[in-house]
Amino acid sequence: MVKPINKHMKLSESFSGALRTFAYFMASGTHYLLKGVDYLKLYGEEPSAIEQAFAIFANVIELDENGEVLNAKHAEKRAVDYIRSYCDPNFKVMPPYEDWELELH
């Protein structure tokens, strides 16, 4: 009898680590790009803003053919810029977001 091969793909350790690190700094209130921004209150009061930031992170992050993350810091920057602009209407995200970056899947 032939043993079936599991064809389900798993997230790479590289991606899992990038996501975990981003989530930690977002949830702890210590993300270095958000110094001085009181964003922790969004978790309880406006969770859709946090949801959008994580969607941006997931949409922007790129992996190579082996699942290695190519642009973790860039994905983080795009995501935290959304939070900064959400909390500070004077902050302008540059370059402006493209539609694909903001999609919720």
PDB file of N, CA and C in Angstrom:
ATOM      1  N   MET A   1       0.838  -1.181   0.000  1.00  0.00           N
ATOM      2  CA  MET A   1       0.000   0.000   0.000  1.00  0.00           C
ATOM      3  C   MET A   1       0.886   1.248   0.000  1.00  0.00           C
ATOM      4  N   VAL A   2       0.539   2.186  -0.850  1.00  0.00           N
ATOM      5  CA  VAL A   2       1.294   3.423  -0.976  1.00  0.00           C
ATOM      6  C   VAL A   2       0.767   4.427   0.047  1.00  0.00           C
ATOM      7  N   LYS A   3       1.684   4.997   0.802  1.00  0.00           N
ATOM      8  CA  LYS A   3       1.313   6.010   1.800  1.00  0.00           C
ATOM      9  C   LYS A   3       1.061   7.337   1.097  1.00  0.00           C
ATOM     10  N   PRO A   4      -0.096   7.970   1.329  1.00  0.00           N
ATOM     11  CA  PRO A   4      -0.366   9.259   0.666  1.00  0.00           C
ATOM     12  C   PRO A   4       0.599  10.339   1.142  1.00  0.00           C
ATOM     13  N   ILE A   5       0.961  11.197   0.225  1.00  0.00           N
ATOM     14  CA  ILE A   5       1.852  12.320   0.530  1.00  0.00           C
ATOM     15  C   ILE A   5       0.992  13.517   0.912  1.00  0.00           C
ATOM     16  N   ASN A   6       1.340  14.158   1.988  1.00  0.00           N
ATOM     17  CA  ASN A   6       0.624  15.358   2.415  1.00  0.00           C
ATOM     18  C   ASN A   6       1.039  16.509   1.503  1.00  0.00           C
ATOM     19  N   LYS A   7       0.114  17.012   0.723  1.00  0.00           N
ATOM     20  CA  LYS A   7       0.421  18.076  -0.232  1.00  0.00           C
ATOM     21  C   LYS A   7       0.059  19.462   0.297  1.00  0.00           C
ATOM     22  N   HIS A   8      -0.322  19.534   1.547  1.00  0.00           N
ATOM     23  CA  HIS A   8      -0.662  20.831   2.127  1.00  0.00           C
ATOM     24  C   HIS A   8       0.613  21.612   2.392  1.00  0.00           C
ATOM     25  N   MET A   9       0.601  22.871   1.979  1.00  0.00           N
ATOM     26  CA  MET A   9       1.764  23.722   2.212  1.00  0.00           C
ATOM     27  C   MET A   9       1.661  24.361   3.586  1.00  0.00           C
ATOM     28  N   LYS A  10       2.776  24.500   4.228  1.00  0.00           N
ATOM     29  CA  LYS A  10       2.864  25.190   5.514  1.00  0.00           C
ATOM     30  C   LYS A  10       3.556  26.523   5.299  1.00  0.00           C
ATOM     31  N   LEU A  11       3.271  27.470   6.171  1.00  0.00           N
ATOM     32  CA  LEU A  11       3.998  28.731   6.125  1.00  0.00           C
ATOM     33  C   LEU A  11       5.457  28.463   6.472  1.00  0.00           C
ATOM     34  N   SER A  12       6.337  29.168   5.817  1.00  0.00           N
ATOM     35  CA  SER A  12       7.758  28.991   6.096  1.00  0.00           C
ATOM     36  C   SER A  12       8.099  29.547   7.474  1.00  0.00           C
ATOM     37  N   GLU A  13       9.189  29.072   8.037  1.00  0.00           N
ATOM     38  CA  GLU A  13       9.660  29.617   9.307  1.00  0.00           C
ATOM     39  C   GLU A  13      10.008  31.092   9.146  1.00  0.00           C
ATOM     40  N   SER A  14      10.499  31.463   7.975  1.00  0.00           N
ATOM     41  CA  SER A  14      10.841  32.855   7.706  1.00  0.00           C
ATOM     42  C   SER A  14       9.598  33.742   7.785  1.00  0.00           C
ATOM     43  N   PHE A  15       8.521  33.324   7.131  1.00  0.00           N
ATOM     44  CA  PHE A  15       7.290  34.109   7.173  1.00  0.00           C
ATOM     45  C   PHE A  15       6.683  34.084   8.571  1.00  0.00           C
ATOM     46  N   SER A  16       6.641  32.912   9.174  1.00  0.00           N
ATOM     47  CA  SER A  16       6.083  32.793  10.517  1.00  0.00           C
ATOM     48  C   SER A  16       6.818  33.708  11.490  1.00  0.00           C
ATOM     49  N   GLY A  17       8.140  33.769  11.379  1.00  0.00           N
ATOM     50  CA  GLY A  17       8.935  34.643  12.244  1.00  0.00           C
ATOM     51  C   GLY A  17       8.664  36.114  11.988  1.00  0.00           C
ATOM     52  N   ALA A  18       8.536  36.496  10.714  1.00  0.00           N
ATOM     53  CA  ALA A  18       8.249  37.900  10.378  1.00  0.00           C
ATOM     54  C   ALA A  18       6.877  38.304  10.907  1.00  0.00           C
ATOM     55  N   LEU A  19       5.893  37.435  10.757  1.00  0.00           N
ATOM     56  CA  LEU A  19       4.543  37.726  11.245  1.00  0.00           C
ATOM     57  C   LEU A  19       4.511  37.798  12.765  1.00  0.00           C
ATOM     58  N   ARG A  20       5.161  36.842  13.416  1.00  0.00           N
ATOM     59  CA  ARG A  20       5.199  36.826  14.878  1.00  0.00           C
ATOM     60  C   ARG A  20       5.856  38.084  15.424  1.00  0.00           C
ATOM     61  N   THR A  21       6.977  38.482  14.824  1.00  0.00           N
ATOM     62  CA  THR A  21       7.692  39.680  15.274  1.00  0.00           C
ATOM     63  C   THR A  21       6.825  40.918  15.099  1.00  0.00           C
ATOM     64  N   PHE A  22       6.198  41.049  13.934  1.00  0.00           N
ATOM     65  CA  PHE A  22       5.314  42.184  13.685  1.00  0.00           C
ATOM     66  C   PHE A  22       4.174  42.205  14.695  1.00  0.00           C
ATOM     67  N   ALA A  23       3.536  41.054  14.907  1.00  0.00           N
ATOM     68  CA  ALA A  23       2.414  40.973  15.851  1.00  0.00           C
ATOM     69  C   ALA A  23       2.848  41.338  17.269  1.00  0.00           C
ATOM     70  N   TYR A  24       4.020  40.864  17.683  1.00  0.00           N
ATOM     71  CA  TYR A  24       4.504  41.179  19.018  1.00  0.00           C
ATOM     72  C   TYR A  24       4.664  42.690  19.217  1.00  0.00           C
ATOM     73  N   PHE A  25       5.376  43.336  18.298  1.00  0.00           N
ATOM     74  CA  PHE A  25       5.629  44.765  18.471  1.00  0.00           C
ATOM     75  C   PHE A  25       4.357  45.589  18.330  1.00  0.00           C
ATOM     76  N   MET A  26       3.420  45.116  17.529  1.00  0.00           N
ATOM     77  CA  MET A  26       2.136  45.822  17.418  1.00  0.00           C
ATOM     78  C   MET A  26       1.328  45.669  18.707  1.00  0.00           C
ATOM     79  N   ALA A  27       1.274  44.464  19.248  1.00  0.00           N
ATOM     80  CA  ALA A  27       0.457  44.201  20.435  1.00  0.00           C
ATOM     81  C   ALA A  27       1.077  44.742  21.717  1.00  0.00           C
ATOM     82  N   SER A  28       2.392  44.883  21.744  1.00  0.00           N
ATOM     83  CA  SER A  28       3.057  45.355  22.959  1.00  0.00           C
ATOM     84  C   SER A  28       3.114  46.875  23.051  1.00  0.00           C
ATOM     85  N   GLY A  29       2.808  47.548  21.945  1.00  0.00           N
ATOM     86  CA  GLY A  29       2.877  49.009  21.945  1.00  0.00           C
ATOM     87  C   GLY A  29       4.291  49.534  21.823  1.00  0.00           C
ATOM     88  N   THR A  30       5.211  48.691  21.378  1.00  0.00           N
ATOM     89  CA  THR A  30       6.613  49.083  21.332  1.00  0.00           C
ATOM     90  C   THR A  30       7.190  49.125  19.923  1.00  0.00           C
ATOM     91  N   HIS A  31       6.356  49.196  18.911  1.00  0.00           N
ATOM     92  CA  HIS A  31       6.907  49.227  17.553  1.00  0.00           C
ATOM     93  C   HIS A  31       7.679  50.531  17.373  1.00  0.00           C
ATOM     94  N   TYR A  32       8.934  50.398  16.967  1.00  0.00           N
ATOM     95  CA  TYR A  32       9.828  51.560  16.880  1.00  0.00           C
ATOM     96  C   TYR A  32       9.358  52.609  15.887  1.00  0.00           C
ATOM     97  N   LEU A  33       8.588  52.233  14.889  1.00  0.00           N
ATOM     98  CA  LEU A  33       8.085  53.217  13.921  1.00  0.00           C
ATOM     99  C   LEU A  33       6.839  53.950  14.423  1.00  0.00           C
ATOM    100  N   LEU A  34       6.320  53.522  15.568  1.00  0.00           N
ATOM    101  CA  LEU A  34       5.119  54.159  16.122  1.00  0.00           C
ATOM    102  C   LEU A  34       5.388  54.833  17.466  1.00  0.00           C
ATOM    103  N   LYS A  35       6.644  55.186  17.705  1.00  0.00           N
ATOM    104  CA  LYS A  35       6.970  55.904  18.944  1.00  0.00           C
ATOM    105  C   LYS A  35       6.156  57.182  19.023  1.00  0.00           C
ATOM    106  N   GLY A  36       5.541  57.412  20.176  1.00  0.00           N
ATOM    107  CA  GLY A  36       4.762  58.622  20.373  1.00  0.00           C
ATOM    108  C   GLY A  36       3.332  58.535  19.842  1.00  0.00           C
ATOM    109  N   VAL A  37       2.967  57.412  19.234  1.00  0.00           N
ATOM    110  CA  VAL A  37       1.606  57.239  18.719  1.00  0.00           C
ATOM    111  C   VAL A  37       0.863  56.326  19.679  1.00  0.00           C
ATOM    112  N   ASP A  38      -0.256  56.806  20.224  1.00  0.00           N
ATOM    113  CA  ASP A  38      -1.056  56.029  21.167  1.00  0.00           C
ATOM    114  C   ASP A  38      -2.010  55.129  20.385  1.00  0.00           C
ATOM    115  N   TYR A  39      -1.486  54.009  19.903  1.00  0.00           N
ATOM    116  CA  TYR A  39      -2.282  53.150  19.036  1.00  0.00           C
ATOM    117  C   TYR A  39      -2.857  51.921  19.747  1.00  0.00           C
ATOM    118  N   LEU A  40      -2.401  51.624  20.960  1.00  0.00           N
ATOM    119  CA  LEU A  40      -2.899  50.430  21.640  1.00  0.00           C
ATOM    120  C   LEU A  40      -4.401  50.486  21.900  1.00  0.00           C
ATOM    121  N   LYS A  41      -4.940  51.667  22.086  1.00  0.00           N
ATOM    122  CA  LYS A  41      -6.378  51.795  22.328  1.00  0.00           C
ATOM    123  C   LYS A  41      -7.205  51.310  21.135  1.00  0.00           C
ATOM    124  N   LEU A  42      -6.595  51.287  19.959  1.00  0.00           N
ATOM    125  CA  LEU A  42      -7.317  50.825  18.772  1.00  0.00           C
ATOM    126  C   LEU A  42      -7.742  49.370  18.904  1.00  0.00           C
ATOM    127  N   TYR A  43      -6.959  48.565  19.641  1.00  0.00           N
ATOM    128  CA  TYR A  43      -7.280  47.152  19.788  1.00  0.00           C
ATOM    129  C   TYR A  43      -8.665  46.949  20.402  1.00  0.00           C
ATOM    130  N   GLY A  44      -9.022  47.743  21.366  1.00  0.00           N
ATOM    131  CA  GLY A  44     -10.324  47.582  22.008  1.00  0.00           C
ATOM    132  C   GLY A  44     -11.406  48.462  21.424  1.00  0.00           C
ATOM    133  N   GLU A  45     -11.011  49.604  20.884  1.00  0.00           N
ATOM    134  CA  GLU A  45     -12.000  50.585  20.436  1.00  0.00           C
ATOM    135  C   GLU A  45     -12.255  50.567  18.928  1.00  0.00           C
ATOM    136  N   GLU A  46     -11.228  50.309  18.159  1.00  0.00           N
ATOM    137  CA  GLU A  46     -11.366  50.338  16.702  1.00  0.00           C
ATOM    138  C   GLU A  46     -10.537  49.217  16.071  1.00  0.00           C
ATOM    139  N   PRO A  47     -10.945  47.982  16.317  1.00  0.00           N
ATOM    140  CA  PRO A  47     -10.145  46.856  15.827  1.00  0.00           C
ATOM    141  C   PRO A  47     -10.031  46.780  14.308  1.00  0.00           C
ATOM    142  N   SER A  48     -10.929  47.420  13.579  1.00  0.00           N
ATOM    143  CA  SER A  48     -10.824  47.380  12.119  1.00  0.00           C
ATOM    144  C   SER A  48      -9.554  48.084  11.632  1.00  0.00           C
ATOM    145  N   ALA A  49      -9.042  49.041  12.394  1.00  0.00           N
ATOM    146  CA  ALA A  49      -7.787  49.703  12.026  1.00  0.00           C
ATOM    147  C   ALA A  49      -6.626  48.718  12.150  1.00  0.00           C
ATOM    148  N   ILE A  50      -6.646  47.902  13.191  1.00  0.00           N
ATOM    149  CA  ILE A  50      -5.610  46.879  13.370  1.00  0.00           C
ATOM    150  C   ILE A  50      -5.745  45.822  12.280  1.00  0.00           C
ATOM    151  N   GLU A  51      -6.978  45.427  11.988  1.00  0.00           N
ATOM    152  CA  GLU A  51      -7.221  44.463  10.914  1.00  0.00           C
ATOM    153  C   GLU A  51      -6.635  44.974   9.596  1.00  0.00           C
ATOM    154  N   GLN A  52      -6.848  46.250   9.301  1.00  0.00           N
ATOM    155  CA  GLN A  52      -6.338  46.818   8.052  1.00  0.00           C
ATOM    156  C   GLN A  52      -4.820  46.812   8.029  1.00  0.00           C
ATOM    157  N   ALA A  53      -4.189  47.117   9.149  1.00  0.00           N
ATOM    158  CA  ALA A  53      -2.725  47.113   9.212  1.00  0.00           C
ATOM    159  C   ALA A  53      -2.178  45.710   8.932  1.00  0.00           C
ATOM    160  N   PHE A  54      -2.798  44.688   9.518  1.00  0.00           N
ATOM    161  CA  PHE A  54      -2.342  43.326   9.270  1.00  0.00           C
ATOM    162  C   PHE A  54      -2.619  42.903   7.830  1.00  0.00           C
ATOM    163  N   ALA A  55      -3.711  43.371   7.246  1.00  0.00           N
ATOM    164  CA  ALA A  55      -3.984  43.084   5.834  1.00  0.00           C
ATOM    165  C   ALA A  55      -2.912  43.709   4.947  1.00  0.00           C
ATOM    166  N   ILE A  56      -2.536  44.937   5.240  1.00  0.00           N
ATOM    167  CA  ILE A  56      -1.478  45.596   4.469  1.00  0.00           C
ATOM    168  C   ILE A  56      -0.181  44.807   4.593  1.00  0.00           C
ATOM    169  N   PHE A  57       0.166  44.426   5.815  1.00  0.00           N
ATOM    170  CA  PHE A  57       1.379  43.636   6.032  1.00  0.00           C
ATOM    171  C   PHE A  57       1.347  42.363   5.174  1.00  0.00           C
ATOM    172  N   ALA A  58       0.237  41.640   5.226  1.00  0.00           N
ATOM    173  CA  ALA A  58       0.122  40.380   4.483  1.00  0.00           C
ATOM    174  C   ALA A  58       0.120  40.602   2.975  1.00  0.00           C
ATOM    175  N   ASN A  59      -0.472  41.693   2.515  1.00  0.00           N
ATOM    176  CA  ASN A  59      -0.524  41.961   1.076  1.00  0.00           C
ATOM    177  C   ASN A  59       0.828  42.401   0.520  1.00  0.00           C
ATOM    178  N   VAL A  60       1.614  43.082   1.324  1.00  0.00           N
ATOM    179  CA  VAL A  60       2.872  43.658   0.851  1.00  0.00           C
ATOM    180  C   VAL A  60       4.046  42.681   0.974  1.00  0.00           C
ATOM    181  N   ILE A  61       4.003  41.819   1.971  1.00  0.00           N
ATOM    182  CA  ILE A  61       5.155  40.938   2.191  1.00  0.00           C
ATOM    183  C   ILE A  61       5.365  40.026   0.978  1.00  0.00           C
ATOM    184  N   GLU A  62       6.643  39.811   0.646  1.00  0.00           N
ATOM    185  CA  GLU A  62       7.008  38.976  -0.504  1.00  0.00           C
ATOM    186  C   GLU A  62       7.900  37.837  -0.042  1.00  0.00           C
ATOM    187  N   LEU A  63       7.693  36.674  -0.658  1.00  0.00           N
ATOM    188  CA  LEU A  63       8.481  35.488  -0.356  1.00  0.00           C
ATOM    189  C   LEU A  63       9.153  34.992  -1.626  1.00  0.00           C
ATOM    190  N   ASP A  64      10.331  34.410  -1.467  1.00  0.00           N
ATOM    191  CA  ASP A  64      10.957  33.799  -2.642  1.00  0.00           C
ATOM    192  C   ASP A  64      10.384  32.393  -2.827  1.00  0.00           C
ATOM    193  N   GLU A  65      10.912  31.653  -3.779  1.00  0.00           N
ATOM    194  CA  GLU A  65      10.366  30.332  -4.101  1.00  0.00           C
ATOM    195  C   GLU A  65      10.539  29.321  -2.972  1.00  0.00           C
ATOM    196  N   ASN A  66      11.405  29.626  -2.008  1.00  0.00           N
ATOM    197  CA  ASN A  66      11.608  28.745  -0.856  1.00  0.00           C
ATOM    198  C   ASN A  66      10.852  29.220   0.386  1.00  0.00           C
ATOM    199  N   GLY A  67      10.060  30.267   0.222  1.00  0.00           N
ATOM    200  CA  GLY A  67       9.293  30.790   1.345  1.00  0.00           C
ATOM    201  C   GLY A  67      10.052  31.753   2.229  1.00  0.00           C
ATOM    202  N   GLU A  68      11.245  32.159   1.800  1.00  0.00           N
ATOM    203  CA  GLU A  68      12.033  33.118   2.580  1.00  0.00           C
ATOM    204  C   GLU A  68      11.502  34.525   2.340  1.00  0.00           C
ATOM    205  N   VAL A  69      11.311  35.272   3.417  1.00  0.00           N
ATOM    206  CA  VAL A  69      10.795  36.633   3.326  1.00  0.00           C
ATOM    207  C   VAL A  69      11.848  37.538   2.710  1.00  0.00           C
ATOM    208  N   LEU A  70      11.413  38.353   1.763  1.00  0.00           N
ATOM    209  CA  LEU A  70      12.317  39.253   1.050  1.00  0.00           C
ATOM    210  C   LEU A  70      12.235  40.700   1.531  1.00  0.00           C
ATOM    211  N   ASN A  71      11.123  41.094   2.151  1.00  0.00           N
ATOM    212  CA  ASN A  71      10.917  42.517   2.436  1.00  0.00           C
ATOM    213  C   ASN A  71      10.147  42.777   3.735  1.00  0.00           C
ATOM    214  N   ALA A  72      10.515  42.101   4.800  1.00  0.00           N
ATOM    215  CA  ALA A  72       9.778  42.223   6.059  1.00  0.00           C
ATOM    216  C   ALA A  72       9.699  43.667   6.553  1.00  0.00           C
ATOM    217  N   LYS A  73      10.808  44.386   6.539  1.00  0.00           N
ATOM    218  CA  LYS A  73      10.815  45.759   7.059  1.00  0.00           C
ATOM    219  C   LYS A  73       9.935  46.673   6.204  1.00  0.00           C
ATOM    220  N   HIS A  74       9.943  46.466   4.904  1.00  0.00           N
ATOM    221  CA  HIS A  74       9.086  47.269   4.025  1.00  0.00           C
ATOM    222  C   HIS A  74       7.606  46.976   4.308  1.00  0.00           C
ATOM    223  N   ALA A  75       7.254  45.712   4.466  1.00  0.00           N
ATOM    224  CA  ALA A  75       5.866  45.346   4.769  1.00  0.00           C
ATOM    225  C   ALA A  75       5.438  45.954   6.104  1.00  0.00           C
ATOM    226  N   GLU A  76       6.326  45.899   7.096  1.00  0.00           N
ATOM    227  CA  GLU A  76       6.026  46.518   8.397  1.00  0.00           C
ATOM    228  C   GLU A  76       5.807  48.018   8.245  1.00  0.00           C
ATOM    229  N   LYS A  77       6.690  48.675   7.504  1.00  0.00           N
ATOM    230  CA  LYS A  77       6.578  50.129   7.340  1.00  0.00           C
ATOM    231  C   LYS A  77       5.258  50.506   6.697  1.00  0.00           C
ATOM    232  N   ARG A  78       4.867  49.804   5.663  1.00  0.00           N
ATOM    233  CA  ARG A  78       3.589  50.112   5.002  1.00  0.00           C
ATOM    234  C   ARG A  78       2.433  49.919   5.979  1.00  0.00           C
ATOM    235  N   ALA A  79       2.497  48.873   6.795  1.00  0.00           N
ATOM    236  CA  ALA A  79       1.425  48.588   7.753  1.00  0.00           C
ATOM    237  C   ALA A  79       1.378  49.629   8.871  1.00  0.00           C
ATOM    238  N   VAL A  80       2.523  49.956   9.452  1.00  0.00           N
ATOM    239  CA  VAL A  80       2.506  50.910  10.566  1.00  0.00           C
ATOM    240  C   VAL A  80       2.244  52.331  10.085  1.00  0.00           C
ATOM    241  N   ASP A  81       2.597  52.627   8.839  1.00  0.00           N
ATOM    242  CA  ASP A  81       2.230  53.944   8.301  1.00  0.00           C
ATOM    243  C   ASP A  81       0.714  54.112   8.273  1.00  0.00           C
ATOM    244  N   TYR A  82       0.000  53.022   8.022  1.00  0.00           N
ATOM    245  CA  TYR A  82      -1.464  53.097   8.064  1.00  0.00           C
ATOM    246  C   TYR A  82      -1.934  53.467   9.473  1.00  0.00           C
ATOM    247  N   ILE A  83      -1.379  52.803  10.483  1.00  0.00           N
ATOM    248  CA  ILE A  83      -1.763  53.101  11.876  1.00  0.00           C
ATOM    249  C   ILE A  83      -1.415  54.544  12.224  1.00  0.00           C
ATOM    250  N   ARG A  84      -0.223  54.979  11.850  1.00  0.00           N
ATOM    251  CA  ARG A  84       0.173  56.361  12.129  1.00  0.00           C
ATOM    252  C   ARG A  84      -0.799  57.336  11.473  1.00  0.00           C
ATOM    253  N   SER A  85      -1.145  57.089  10.208  1.00  0.00           N
ATOM    254  CA  SER A  85      -2.066  58.000   9.515  1.00  0.00           C
ATOM    255  C   SER A  85      -3.471  57.933  10.105  1.00  0.00           C
ATOM    256  N   TYR A  86      -3.845  56.780  10.623  1.00  0.00           N
ATOM    257  CA  TYR A  86      -5.160  56.621  11.254  1.00  0.00           C
ATOM    258  C   TYR A  86      -5.224  57.441  12.549  1.00  0.00           C
ATOM    259  N   CYS A  87      -4.123  57.452  13.296  1.00  0.00           N
ATOM    260  CA  CYS A  87      -4.078  58.168  14.579  1.00  0.00           C
ATOM    261  C   CYS A  87      -3.714  59.643  14.424  1.00  0.00           C
ATOM    262  N   ASP A  88      -3.029  59.990  13.348  1.00  0.00           N
ATOM    263  CA  ASP A  88      -2.574  61.362  13.124  1.00  0.00           C
ATOM    264  C   ASP A  88      -2.986  61.804  11.719  1.00  0.00           C
ATOM    265  N   PRO A  89      -4.093  62.543  11.600  1.00  0.00           N
ATOM    266  CA  PRO A  89      -4.575  62.949  10.281  1.00  0.00           C
ATOM    267  C   PRO A  89      -3.605  63.833   9.502  1.00  0.00           C
ATOM    268  N   ASN A  90      -2.598  64.383  10.168  1.00  0.00           N
ATOM    269  CA  ASN A  90      -1.600  65.201   9.479  1.00  0.00           C
ATOM    270  C   ASN A  90      -0.496  64.367   8.832  1.00  0.00           C
ATOM    271  N   PHE A  91      -0.417  63.083   9.205  1.00  0.00           N
ATOM    272  CA  PHE A  91       0.603  62.205   8.629  1.00  0.00           C
ATOM    273  C   PHE A  91       0.120  61.698   7.279  1.00  0.00           C
ATOM    274  N   LYS A  92       0.940  61.853   6.279  1.00  0.00           N
ATOM    275  CA  LYS A  92       0.605  61.399   4.923  1.00  0.00           C
ATOM    276  C   LYS A  92       1.479  60.200   4.565  1.00  0.00           C
ATOM    277  N   VAL A  93       0.851  59.133   4.157  1.00  0.00           N
ATOM    278  CA  VAL A  93       1.566  57.938   3.730  1.00  0.00           C
ATOM    279  C   VAL A  93       2.167  58.196   2.358  1.00  0.00           C
ATOM    280  N   MET A  94       3.475  57.974   2.248  1.00  0.00           N
ATOM    281  CA  MET A  94       4.166  58.180   0.974  1.00  0.00           C
ATOM    282  C   MET A  94       4.978  56.946   0.624  1.00  0.00           C
ATOM    283  N   PRO A  95       4.841  56.422  -0.571  1.00  0.00           N
ATOM    284  CA  PRO A  95       3.837  56.807  -1.553  1.00  0.00           C
ATOM    285  C   PRO A  95       2.459  56.364  -1.079  1.00  0.00           C
ATOM    286  N   PRO A  96       1.408  57.000  -1.608  1.00  0.00           N
ATOM    287  CA  PRO A  96       0.047  56.610  -1.223  1.00  0.00           C
ATOM    288  C   PRO A  96      -0.185  55.123  -1.496  1.00  0.00           C
ATOM    289  N   TYR A  97      -1.077  54.528  -0.744  1.00  0.00           N
ATOM    290  CA  TYR A  97      -1.371  53.114  -0.934  1.00  0.00           C
ATOM    291  C   TYR A  97      -1.991  52.858  -2.297  1.00  0.00           C
ATOM    292  N   GLU A  98      -1.624  51.725  -2.855  1.00  0.00           N
ATOM    293  CA  GLU A  98      -2.288  51.239  -4.052  1.00  0.00           C
ATOM    294  C   GLU A  98      -3.439  50.340  -3.592  1.00  0.00           C
ATOM    295  N   ASP A  99      -4.441  50.183  -4.432  1.00  0.00           N
ATOM    296  CA  ASP A  99      -5.626  49.409  -4.049  1.00  0.00           C
ATOM    297  C   ASP A  99      -5.284  48.011  -3.556  1.00  0.00           C
ATOM    298  N   TRP A 100      -4.347  47.329  -4.223  1.00  0.00           N
ATOM    299  CA  TRP A 100      -4.005  45.954  -3.852  1.00  0.00           C
ATOM    300  C   TRP A 100      -3.422  45.862  -2.452  1.00  0.00           C
ATOM    301  N   GLU A 101      -2.785  46.930  -1.977  1.00  0.00           N
ATOM    302  CA  GLU A 101      -2.206  46.917  -0.635  1.00  0.00           C
ATOM    303  C   GLU A 101      -3.293  46.917   0.441  1.00  0.00           C
ATOM    304  N   LEU A 102      -4.420  47.494   0.140  1.00  0.00           N
ATOM    305  CA  LEU A 102      -5.493  47.691   1.114  1.00  0.00           C
ATOM    306  C   LEU A 102      -6.569  46.596   1.084  1.00  0.00           C
ATOM    307  N   GLU A 103      -6.477  45.671   0.169  1.00  0.00           N
ATOM    308  CA  GLU A 103      -7.522  44.648   0.027  1.00  0.00           C
ATOM    309  C   GLU A 103      -7.616  43.770   1.262  1.00  0.00           C
ATOM    310  N   LEU A 104      -8.847  43.498   1.656  1.00  0.00           N
ATOM    311  CA  LEU A 104      -9.120  42.558   2.757  1.00  0.00           C
ATOM    312  C   LEU A 104      -9.565  41.251   2.109  1.00  0.00           C
ATOM    313  N   HIS A 105      -8.839  40.181   2.392  1.00  0.00           N
ATOM    314  CA  HIS A 105      -9.170  38.879   1.783  1.00  0.00           C
ATOM    315  C   HIS A 105      -9.876  38.000   2.784  1.00  0.00           C
TER     316      HIS A 105
END
